[in-house]
Amino acid sequence: MSLDQLRGFLKEMQNDDSLKNEVISSSTADDVALIAMRRGYEFSGDELLRFSGKKVGKVTVQKNDVPGEYN
């Protein structure tokens, strides 16, 4: 994984309210990775999940545990 790509996306997100809202309303990490890809960043949803608990600037990546079929 390119941590630089992920960190760059998170830094952009903290300065762009519309991007932040789009990410927050996403259902899965793969959805977030697709949003990032449209903006020129390259990382997978799995890579984003492995980044859970880490902080970049004002953004902390947090995996949401969803009960049921998503586990």
C-alpha atoms as a PDB file:
ATOM      1  CA  MET A   1       0.000   0.000   0.000  1.00  0.00           C
ATOM      2  CA  SER A   2       1.120   3.480  -0.617  1.00  0.00           C
ATOM      3  CA  LEU A   3       0.732   5.127   2.752  1.00  0.00           C
ATOM      4  CA  ASP A   4       1.548   8.422   1.067  1.00  0.00           C
ATOM      5  CA  GLN A   5      -1.539   8.047  -1.138  1.00  0.00           C
ATOM      6  CA  LEU A   6      -3.781   7.325   1.839  1.00  0.00           C
ATOM      7  CA  ARG A   7      -2.293  10.115   3.934  1.00  0.00           C
ATOM      8  CA  GLY A   8      -2.650  12.568   1.047  1.00  0.00           C
ATOM      9  CA  PHE A   9      -6.317  11.691   0.647  1.00  0.00           C
ATOM     10  CA  LEU A  10      -6.985  12.090   4.366  1.00  0.00           C
ATOM     11  CA  LYS A  11      -5.258  15.476   4.386  1.00  0.00           C
ATOM     12  CA  GLU A  12      -7.358  16.614   1.434  1.00  0.00           C
ATOM     13  CA  MET A  13     -10.494  15.346   3.146  1.00  0.00           C
ATOM     14  CA  GLN A  14      -9.905  17.410   6.293  1.00  0.00           C
ATOM     15  CA  ASN A  15      -9.849  20.592   4.202  1.00  0.00           C
ATOM     16  CA  ASP A  16     -12.826  19.791   1.941  1.00  0.00           C
ATOM     17  CA  ASP A  17     -16.222  19.626   3.647  1.00  0.00           C
ATOM     18  CA  SER A  18     -18.022  18.163   0.627  1.00  0.00           C
ATOM     19  CA  LEU A  19     -15.441  15.358   0.373  1.00  0.00           C
ATOM     20  CA  LYS A  20     -15.677  14.731   4.111  1.00  0.00           C
ATOM     21  CA  ASN A  21     -19.462  14.443   3.901  1.00  0.00           C
ATOM     22  CA  GLU A  22     -19.190  12.068   0.946  1.00  0.00           C
ATOM     23  CA  VAL A  23     -16.764   9.847   2.856  1.00  0.00           C
ATOM     24  CA  ILE A  24     -18.844   9.908   6.042  1.00  0.00           C
ATOM     25  CA  SER A  25     -21.972   8.892   4.126  1.00  0.00           C
ATOM     26  CA  SER A  26     -20.169   5.966   2.452  1.00  0.00           C
ATOM     27  CA  SER A  27     -21.227   2.469   3.443  1.00  0.00           C
ATOM     28  CA  THR A  28     -17.955   0.598   3.025  1.00  0.00           C
ATOM     29  CA  ALA A  29     -14.204   1.101   2.913  1.00  0.00           C
ATOM     30  CA  ASP A  30     -14.336   0.074  -0.750  1.00  0.00           C
ATOM     31  CA  ASP A  31     -16.724   2.983  -1.386  1.00  0.00           C
ATOM     32  CA  VAL A  32     -14.208   5.343   0.212  1.00  0.00           C
ATOM     33  CA  ALA A  33     -11.410   3.882  -1.936  1.00  0.00           C
ATOM     34  CA  LEU A  34     -13.521   4.555  -5.064  1.00  0.00           C
ATOM     35  CA  ILE A  35     -14.081   8.157  -3.988  1.00  0.00           C
ATOM     36  CA  ALA A  36     -10.331   8.510  -3.496  1.00  0.00           C
ATOM     37  CA  MET A  37      -9.610   6.937  -6.873  1.00  0.00           C
ATOM     38  CA  ARG A  38     -11.831   9.520  -8.603  1.00  0.00           C
ATOM     39  CA  ARG A  39      -9.592  12.177  -7.016  1.00  0.00           C
ATOM     40  CA  GLY A  40      -6.359  10.526  -8.129  1.00  0.00           C
ATOM     41  CA  TYR A  41      -5.451   8.528  -5.016  1.00  0.00           C
ATOM     42  CA  GLU A  42      -4.834   4.808  -5.127  1.00  0.00           C
ATOM     43  CA  PHE A  43      -5.464   2.458  -2.203  1.00  0.00           C
ATOM     44  CA  SER A  44      -7.910  -0.360  -1.529  1.00  0.00           C
ATOM     45  CA  GLY A  45     -10.689  -0.658   1.010  1.00  0.00           C
ATOM     46  CA  ASP A  46      -8.725  -3.419   2.749  1.00  0.00           C
ATOM     47  CA  GLU A  47      -5.714  -1.133   3.022  1.00  0.00           C
ATOM     48  CA  LEU A  48      -7.915   1.586   4.494  1.00  0.00           C
ATOM     49  CA  LEU A  49      -9.293  -0.869   7.070  1.00  0.00           C
ATOM     50  CA  ARG A  50      -5.759  -1.881   8.075  1.00  0.00           C
ATOM     51  CA  PHE A  51      -5.063   1.812   8.693  1.00  0.00           C
ATOM     52  CA  SER A  52      -7.843   1.877  11.316  1.00  0.00           C
ATOM     53  CA  GLY A  53      -6.878   3.566  14.565  1.00  0.00           C
ATOM     54  CA  LYS A  54      -4.229   5.758  12.972  1.00  0.00           C
ATOM     55  CA  LYS A  55      -4.458   9.526  12.755  1.00  0.00           C
ATOM     56  CA  VAL A  56      -3.433  11.913   9.978  1.00  0.00           C
ATOM     57  CA  GLY A  57      -3.788  15.563  10.904  1.00  0.00           C
ATOM     58  CA  LYS A  58      -7.279  15.992  12.340  1.00  0.00           C
ATOM     59  CA  VAL A  59      -8.611  12.757  10.805  1.00  0.00           C
ATOM     60  CA  THR A  60      -8.606   9.426  12.622  1.00  0.00           C
ATOM     61  CA  VAL A  61      -9.460   6.351  10.577  1.00  0.00           C
ATOM     62  CA  GLN A  62     -11.955   4.225  12.454  1.00  0.00           C
ATOM     63  CA  LYS A  63     -13.428   0.913  11.361  1.00  0.00           C
ATOM     64  CA  ASN A  64     -17.136   0.684  12.081  1.00  0.00           C
ATOM     65  CA  ASP A  65     -18.211  -2.758  13.239  1.00  0.00           C
ATOM     66  CA  VAL A  66     -21.576  -3.446  11.662  1.00  0.00           C
ATOM     67  CA  PRO A  67     -23.540  -6.427  12.984  1.00  0.00           C
ATOM     68  CA  GLY A  68     -25.052  -9.002  10.688  1.00  0.00           C
ATOM     69  CA  GLU A  69     -24.087  -9.886   7.158  1.00  0.00           C
ATOM     70  CA  TYR A  70     -21.294  -7.307   6.905  1.00  0.00           C
ATOM     71  CA  ASN A  71     -19.048  -9.074   9.427  1.00  0.00           C
END
